[in-house]
Amino acid sequence: MTSKHCLLITALAVFSFQALSAVEVDDSRVIEPSKSTYQLESRGLAFKDRRKVGVGLSTAGALGFLGANIEINFTPQDSFMGGFGMGDSYQSYALQYKHSIGGSWFVPYVGGGYARWYTVTDDNGRIQETSPGLLADKFLSRRELNTGRFDEHLFYPMAGVQYFQLKGKWAGFSLYAQVMMLLDLDDLVSAPTGEFGAFFYF
């Protein structure tokens, strides 16, 4: 990993922790929805109805080794996410749709998306290994491994669960874990993987 990548990782981490520590939240706005709101949806979905935008970090998933994401909640159940990421000698971006099912502090969800993993220089050299390893093991051809150049287009269904901190000074913070099946339709190959991440919603 280059010094440029290390600098990006450090900047993203600092930004996330500063956002968490700098935001003061009115607990009553988050955990005291009206009775009619309780009748229509869970507390987790009511939370998403109030906080429309989330920013966060992810690892080991659709964006590769490390990614930065933004999520927009169009409805309490439905949201769209976009992100940029990177790994060893490649960059990535992804777009995905997520449908939240329900719950209180823990909200399960399903969805799907598209990701592109690609190299940006011509002098990467032969690829010995990748992070994550499934890139070299499943998706790269022998020619791509030898030249160090590739452009992979991946589609994936996913399912996961998201934890929302609904009250206190950490209100707005969220953790999630999900599983997905990455599909390369050009070569008709697939690989399962998991993704972990954190968001802050405001």
C-alpha atoms as a PDB file:
ATOM      1  CA  MET A   1       0.000   0.000   0.000  1.00  0.00           C
ATOM      2  CA  THR A   2       1.424   3.392  -0.989  1.00  0.00           C
ATOM      3  CA  SER A   3       1.900   6.399   1.250  1.00  0.00           C
ATOM      4  CA  LYS A   4      -0.985   8.050  -0.598  1.00  0.00           C
ATOM      5  CA  HIS A   5      -3.279   5.216   0.477  1.00  0.00           C
ATOM      6  CA  CYS A   6      -2.058   5.405   4.077  1.00  0.00           C
ATOM      7  CA  LEU A   7      -2.727   9.151   4.134  1.00  0.00           C
ATOM      8  CA  LEU A   8      -6.260   8.604   2.835  1.00  0.00           C
ATOM      9  CA  ILE A   9      -6.987   5.950   5.450  1.00  0.00           C
ATOM     10  CA  THR A  10      -5.716   8.222   8.241  1.00  0.00           C
ATOM     11  CA  ALA A  11      -7.773  11.170   6.997  1.00  0.00           C
ATOM     12  CA  LEU A  12     -10.952   9.096   6.820  1.00  0.00           C
ATOM     13  CA  ALA A  13     -10.455   7.702  10.307  1.00  0.00           C
ATOM     14  CA  VAL A  14      -9.796  11.149  11.819  1.00  0.00           C
ATOM     15  CA  PHE A  15     -12.854  12.577  10.075  1.00  0.00           C
ATOM     16  CA  SER A  16     -15.103   9.825  11.423  1.00  0.00           C
ATOM     17  CA  PHE A  17     -13.939  10.195  15.029  1.00  0.00           C
ATOM     18  CA  GLN A  18     -14.185  13.990  14.894  1.00  0.00           C
ATOM     19  CA  ALA A  19     -17.729  13.762  13.561  1.00  0.00           C
ATOM     20  CA  LEU A  20     -18.708  11.465  16.392  1.00  0.00           C
ATOM     21  CA  SER A  21     -17.158  13.605  19.109  1.00  0.00           C
ATOM     22  CA  ALA A  22     -18.288  16.967  17.766  1.00  0.00           C
ATOM     23  CA  VAL A  23     -22.004  16.377  17.308  1.00  0.00           C
ATOM     24  CA  GLU A  24     -24.357  17.004  20.209  1.00  0.00           C
ATOM     25  CA  VAL A  25     -27.710  15.302  19.830  1.00  0.00           C
ATOM     26  CA  ASP A  26     -31.092  16.109  21.263  1.00  0.00           C
ATOM     27  CA  ASP A  27     -32.096  12.687  22.607  1.00  0.00           C
ATOM     28  CA  SER A  28     -35.778  13.542  22.709  1.00  0.00           C
ATOM     29  CA  ARG A  29     -35.793  14.143  18.973  1.00  0.00           C
ATOM     30  CA  VAL A  30     -34.410  10.663  18.353  1.00  0.00           C
ATOM     31  CA  ILE A  31     -36.089   8.426  20.912  1.00  0.00           C
ATOM     32  CA  GLU A  32     -39.432  10.140  21.449  1.00  0.00           C
ATOM     33  CA  PRO A  33     -41.333   9.755  18.173  1.00  0.00           C
ATOM     34  CA  SER A  34     -45.079  10.168  18.261  1.00  0.00           C
ATOM     35  CA  LYS A  35     -47.371   7.276  19.094  1.00  0.00           C
ATOM     36  CA  SER A  36     -48.563   7.195  15.504  1.00  0.00           C
ATOM     37  CA  THR A  37     -44.962   6.741  14.384  1.00  0.00           C
ATOM     38  CA  TYR A  38     -44.593   3.773  16.733  1.00  0.00           C
ATOM     39  CA  GLN A  39     -47.730   2.250  15.273  1.00  0.00           C
ATOM     40  CA  LEU A  40     -46.433   2.533  11.718  1.00  0.00           C
ATOM     41  CA  GLU A  41     -42.778   1.552  12.067  1.00  0.00           C
ATOM     42  CA  SER A  42     -40.092   0.353  14.436  1.00  0.00           C
ATOM     43  CA  ARG A  43     -37.826   2.670  16.396  1.00  0.00           C
ATOM     44  CA  GLY A  44     -34.927   1.927  14.057  1.00  0.00           C
ATOM     45  CA  LEU A  45     -36.957   2.935  11.015  1.00  0.00           C
ATOM     46  CA  ALA A  46     -38.304   6.003  12.794  1.00  0.00           C
ATOM     47  CA  PHE A  47     -34.684   6.980  13.420  1.00  0.00           C
ATOM     48  CA  LYS A  48     -33.898   6.657   9.695  1.00  0.00           C
ATOM     49  CA  ASP A  49     -36.943   8.792   8.921  1.00  0.00           C
ATOM     50  CA  ARG A  50     -35.443  11.638  10.972  1.00  0.00           C
ATOM     51  CA  ARG A  51     -31.825  11.334   9.886  1.00  0.00           C
ATOM     52  CA  LYS A  52     -31.640  11.249   6.123  1.00  0.00           C
ATOM     53  CA  VAL A  53     -27.886  11.122   5.471  1.00  0.00           C
ATOM     54  CA  GLY A  54     -25.124   8.895   6.796  1.00  0.00           C
ATOM     55  CA  VAL A  55     -21.360   8.838   6.185  1.00  0.00           C
ATOM     56  CA  GLY A  56     -19.117   5.954   7.074  1.00  0.00           C
ATOM     57  CA  LEU A  57     -16.300   3.508   6.470  1.00  0.00           C
ATOM     58  CA  SER A  58     -16.370  -0.115   5.322  1.00  0.00           C
ATOM     59  CA  THR A  59     -13.916  -2.952   4.920  1.00  0.00           C
ATOM     60  CA  ALA A  60     -13.657  -6.353   3.229  1.00  0.00           C
ATOM     61  CA  GLY A  61     -16.730  -5.930   1.046  1.00  0.00           C
ATOM     62  CA  ALA A  62     -17.972  -4.387  -2.177  1.00  0.00           C
ATOM     63  CA  LEU A  63     -15.310  -1.663  -2.113  1.00  0.00           C
ATOM     64  CA  GLY A  64     -12.375  -3.953  -1.418  1.00  0.00           C
ATOM     65  CA  PHE A  65      -9.894  -3.465   1.399  1.00  0.00           C
ATOM     66  CA  LEU A  66     -11.241  -0.096   2.592  1.00  0.00           C
ATOM     67  CA  GLY A  67     -14.073   2.168   1.495  1.00  0.00           C
ATOM     68  CA  ALA A  68     -15.736   5.475   2.313  1.00  0.00           C
ATOM     69  CA  ASN A  69     -19.531   5.610   1.884  1.00  0.00           C
ATOM     70  CA  ILE A  70     -22.463   7.978   1.898  1.00  0.00           C
ATOM     71  CA  GLU A  71     -26.035   6.736   2.388  1.00  0.00           C
ATOM     72  CA  ILE A  72     -29.244   8.651   1.684  1.00  0.00           C
ATOM     73  CA  ASN A  73     -32.503   7.499   3.298  1.00  0.00           C
ATOM     74  CA  PHE A  74     -35.270   8.298   0.837  1.00  0.00           C
ATOM     75  CA  THR A  75     -37.839   6.542   3.028  1.00  0.00           C
ATOM     76  CA  PRO A  76     -37.524   4.814   6.428  1.00  0.00           C
ATOM     77  CA  GLN A  77     -37.260   1.482   4.611  1.00  0.00           C
ATOM     78  CA  ASP A  78     -35.381   2.374   1.419  1.00  0.00           C
ATOM     79  CA  SER A  79     -31.973   3.926   0.949  1.00  0.00           C
ATOM     80  CA  PHE A  80     -29.268   4.276  -1.685  1.00  0.00           C
ATOM     81  CA  MET A  81     -25.552   4.236  -1.067  1.00  0.00           C
ATOM     82  CA  GLY A  82     -22.488   5.258  -3.036  1.00  0.00           C
ATOM     83  CA  GLY A  83     -18.869   4.756  -2.117  1.00  0.00           C
ATOM     84  CA  PHE A  84     -15.233   4.841  -3.182  1.00  0.00           C
ATOM     85  CA  GLY A  85     -12.582   2.404  -2.045  1.00  0.00           C
ATOM     86  CA  MET A  86      -9.165   0.944  -2.631  1.00  0.00           C
ATOM     87  CA  GLY A  87      -6.947  -2.074  -2.175  1.00  0.00           C
ATOM     88  CA  ASP A  88      -3.537  -3.274  -3.251  1.00  0.00           C
ATOM     89  CA  SER A  89      -2.808  -1.449  -6.542  1.00  0.00           C
ATOM     90  CA  TYR A  90      -6.468  -0.836  -7.404  1.00  0.00           C
ATOM     91  CA  GLN A  91      -9.354   1.508  -6.774  1.00  0.00           C
ATOM     92  CA  SER A  92     -13.084   0.880  -6.633  1.00  0.00           C
ATOM     93  CA  TYR A  93     -16.511   2.419  -6.477  1.00  0.00           C
ATOM     94  CA  ALA A  94     -19.940   0.968  -5.770  1.00  0.00           C
ATOM     95  CA  LEU A  95     -23.638   1.845  -5.921  1.00  0.00           C
ATOM     96  CA  GLN A  96     -26.237  -0.097  -3.974  1.00  0.00           C
ATOM     97  CA  TYR A  97     -29.859  -0.198  -2.862  1.00  0.00           C
ATOM     98  CA  LYS A  98     -30.872  -1.287   0.657  1.00  0.00           C
ATOM     99  CA  HIS A  99     -34.322  -2.204   2.001  1.00  0.00           C
ATOM    100  CA  SER A 100     -34.606  -2.257   5.798  1.00  0.00           C
ATOM    101  CA  ILE A 101     -37.095  -4.774   7.164  1.00  0.00           C
ATOM    102  CA  GLY A 102     -37.723  -3.598  10.729  1.00  0.00           C
ATOM    103  CA  GLY A 103     -36.546  -3.894  14.280  1.00  0.00           C
ATOM    104  CA  SER A 104     -35.646  -1.678  17.189  1.00  0.00           C
ATOM    105  CA  TRP A 105     -31.929  -1.222  17.883  1.00  0.00           C
ATOM    106  CA  PHE A 106     -31.028  -4.002  15.425  1.00  0.00           C
ATOM    107  CA  VAL A 107     -32.498  -3.621  11.928  1.00  0.00           C
ATOM    108  CA  PRO A 108     -32.091  -6.432   9.353  1.00  0.00           C
ATOM    109  CA  TYR A 109     -31.992  -5.522   5.673  1.00  0.00           C
ATOM    110  CA  VAL A 110     -31.605  -6.920   2.156  1.00  0.00           C
ATOM    111  CA  GLY A 111     -30.469  -5.301  -1.061  1.00  0.00           C
ATOM    112  CA  GLY A 112     -28.106  -5.408  -3.990  1.00  0.00           C
ATOM    113  CA  GLY A 113     -25.597  -3.376  -5.900  1.00  0.00           C
ATOM    114  CA  TYR A 114     -22.888  -2.910  -8.500  1.00  0.00           C
ATOM    115  CA  ALA A 115     -19.153  -2.479  -7.904  1.00  0.00           C
ATOM    116  CA  ARG A 116     -16.209  -1.791 -10.185  1.00  0.00           C
ATOM    117  CA  TRP A 117     -12.629  -2.702  -9.188  1.00  0.00           C
ATOM    118  CA  TYR A 118      -9.949  -1.372 -11.534  1.00  0.00           C
ATOM    119  CA  THR A 119      -6.291  -0.434 -11.843  1.00  0.00           C
ATOM    120  CA  VAL A 120      -5.333   3.138 -12.700  1.00  0.00           C
ATOM    121  CA  THR A 121      -1.683   2.809 -13.800  1.00  0.00           C
ATOM    122  CA  ASP A 122       0.126   0.749 -16.427  1.00  0.00           C
ATOM    123  CA  ASP A 123       3.175  -0.157 -14.327  1.00  0.00           C
ATOM    124  CA  ASN A 124       1.706  -2.215 -11.483  1.00  0.00           C
ATOM    125  CA  GLY A 125       3.785  -5.279 -12.288  1.00  0.00           C
ATOM    126  CA  ARG A 126       2.772  -8.884 -11.824  1.00  0.00           C
ATOM    127  CA  ILE A 127       0.163  -9.444  -9.116  1.00  0.00           C
ATOM    128  CA  GLN A 128       1.329 -11.864  -6.430  1.00  0.00           C
ATOM    129  CA  GLU A 129      -1.590 -11.432  -4.054  1.00  0.00           C
ATOM    130  CA  THR A 130      -4.547  -9.130  -3.516  1.00  0.00           C
ATOM    131  CA  SER A 131      -6.564  -7.778  -0.624  1.00  0.00           C
ATOM    132  CA  PRO A 132      -9.108  -9.273  -0.421  1.00  0.00           C
ATOM    133  CA  GLY A 133      -7.665 -12.550  -1.670  1.00  0.00           C
ATOM    134  CA  LEU A 134     -10.805 -13.520  -3.589  1.00  0.00           C
ATOM    135  CA  LEU A 135      -9.962 -10.924  -6.243  1.00  0.00           C
ATOM    136  CA  ALA A 136      -6.913 -12.864  -7.435  1.00  0.00           C
ATOM    137  CA  ASP A 137      -8.345 -16.278  -6.613  1.00  0.00           C
ATOM    138  CA  LYS A 138     -11.713 -15.892  -8.326  1.00  0.00           C
ATOM    139  CA  PHE A 139     -11.945 -12.925 -10.661  1.00  0.00           C
ATOM    140  CA  LEU A 140      -8.578 -12.235 -12.298  1.00  0.00           C
ATOM    141  CA  SER A 141      -7.411 -14.144 -15.361  1.00  0.00           C
ATOM    142  CA  ARG A 142      -3.839 -15.342 -15.807  1.00  0.00           C
ATOM    143  CA  ARG A 143      -3.203 -12.492 -18.227  1.00  0.00           C
ATOM    144  CA  GLU A 144      -4.511  -9.937 -15.713  1.00  0.00           C
ATOM    145  CA  LEU A 145      -2.354 -11.425 -12.967  1.00  0.00           C
ATOM    146  CA  ASN A 146       0.732 -11.264 -15.187  1.00  0.00           C
ATOM    147  CA  THR A 147       0.187  -7.705 -16.427  1.00  0.00           C
ATOM    148  CA  GLY A 148      -1.190  -6.297 -13.161  1.00  0.00           C
ATOM    149  CA  ARG A 149      -4.011  -4.565 -15.035  1.00  0.00           C
ATOM    150  CA  PHE A 150      -7.705  -5.347 -14.645  1.00  0.00           C
ATOM    151  CA  ASP A 151     -11.186  -3.853 -14.764  1.00  0.00           C
ATOM    152  CA  GLU A 152     -13.769  -5.985 -12.974  1.00  0.00           C
ATOM    153  CA  HIS A 153     -17.512  -5.278 -12.991  1.00  0.00           C
ATOM    154  CA  LEU A 154     -19.290  -7.055 -10.140  1.00  0.00           C
ATOM    155  CA  PHE A 155     -22.952  -7.366  -9.174  1.00  0.00           C
ATOM    156  CA  TYR A 156     -24.123  -8.610  -5.800  1.00  0.00           C
ATOM    157  CA  PRO A 157     -27.158  -9.434  -3.678  1.00  0.00           C
ATOM    158  CA  MET A 158     -26.686  -8.859   0.042  1.00  0.00           C
ATOM    159  CA  ALA A 159     -28.297  -9.354   3.440  1.00  0.00           C
ATOM    160  CA  GLY A 160     -27.215  -7.925   6.771  1.00  0.00           C
ATOM    161  CA  VAL A 161     -28.093  -6.420  10.111  1.00  0.00           C
ATOM    162  CA  GLN A 162     -27.457  -2.883  11.343  1.00  0.00           C
ATOM    163  CA  TYR A 163     -27.199  -1.663  14.924  1.00  0.00           C
ATOM    164  CA  PHE A 164     -28.394   1.887  15.647  1.00  0.00           C
ATOM    165  CA  GLN A 165     -27.447   3.863  18.741  1.00  0.00           C
ATOM    166  CA  LEU A 166     -30.733   5.667  19.404  1.00  0.00           C
ATOM    167  CA  LYS A 167     -29.946   7.691  22.504  1.00  0.00           C
ATOM    168  CA  GLY A 168     -27.160   9.249  24.521  1.00  0.00           C
ATOM    169  CA  LYS A 169     -24.120  11.162  23.312  1.00  0.00           C
ATOM    170  CA  TRP A 170     -23.415   8.447  20.719  1.00  0.00           C
ATOM    171  CA  ALA A 171     -26.868   8.761  19.130  1.00  0.00           C
ATOM    172  CA  GLY A 172     -26.486   8.619  15.371  1.00  0.00           C
ATOM    173  CA  PHE A 173     -23.668   6.085  15.422  1.00  0.00           C
ATOM    174  CA  SER A 174     -24.289   2.757  13.689  1.00  0.00           C
ATOM    175  CA  LEU A 175     -22.457  -0.526  13.072  1.00  0.00           C
ATOM    176  CA  TYR A 176     -23.351  -3.120  10.454  1.00  0.00           C
ATOM    177  CA  ALA A 177     -22.319  -6.526   9.165  1.00  0.00           C
ATOM    178  CA  GLN A 178     -23.499  -8.115   5.947  1.00  0.00           C
ATOM    179  CA  VAL A 179     -22.879 -11.048   3.633  1.00  0.00           C
ATOM    180  CA  MET A 180     -22.930 -10.814  -0.150  1.00  0.00           C
ATOM    181  CA  MET A 181     -22.309 -12.858  -3.253  1.00  0.00           C
ATOM    182  CA  LEU A 182     -20.064 -11.071  -5.753  1.00  0.00           C
ATOM    183  CA  LEU A 183     -20.944 -12.049  -9.329  1.00  0.00           C
ATOM    184  CA  ASP A 184     -18.786 -11.477 -12.409  1.00  0.00           C
ATOM    185  CA  LEU A 185     -21.312 -11.947 -15.188  1.00  0.00           C
ATOM    186  CA  ASP A 186     -18.699 -11.604 -17.945  1.00  0.00           C
ATOM    187  CA  ASP A 187     -16.761 -14.670 -16.776  1.00  0.00           C
ATOM    188  CA  LEU A 188     -19.672 -16.385 -14.974  1.00  0.00           C
ATOM    189  CA  VAL A 189     -17.808 -16.692 -11.675  1.00  0.00           C
ATOM    190  CA  SER A 190     -18.894 -15.799  -8.149  1.00  0.00           C
ATOM    191  CA  ALA A 191     -17.485 -15.547  -4.647  1.00  0.00           C
ATOM    192  CA  PRO A 192     -19.130 -15.034  -1.249  1.00  0.00           C
ATOM    193  CA  THR A 193     -17.730 -12.438   1.108  1.00  0.00           C
ATOM    194  CA  GLY A 194     -18.637 -10.353   4.142  1.00  0.00           C
ATOM    195  CA  GLU A 195     -18.521  -6.640   4.852  1.00  0.00           C
ATOM    196  CA  PHE A 196     -18.218  -4.707   8.093  1.00  0.00           C
ATOM    197  CA  GLY A 197     -18.578  -1.008   8.642  1.00  0.00           C
ATOM    198  CA  ALA A 198     -19.707   1.978  10.654  1.00  0.00           C
ATOM    199  CA  PHE A 199     -21.907   4.979   9.867  1.00  0.00           C
ATOM    200  CA  PHE A 200     -22.830   8.243  11.488  1.00  0.00           C
ATOM    201  CA  TYR A 201     -26.256   9.646  10.580  1.00  0.00           C
ATOM    202  CA  PHE A 202     -27.287  13.278  10.801  1.00  0.00           C
END
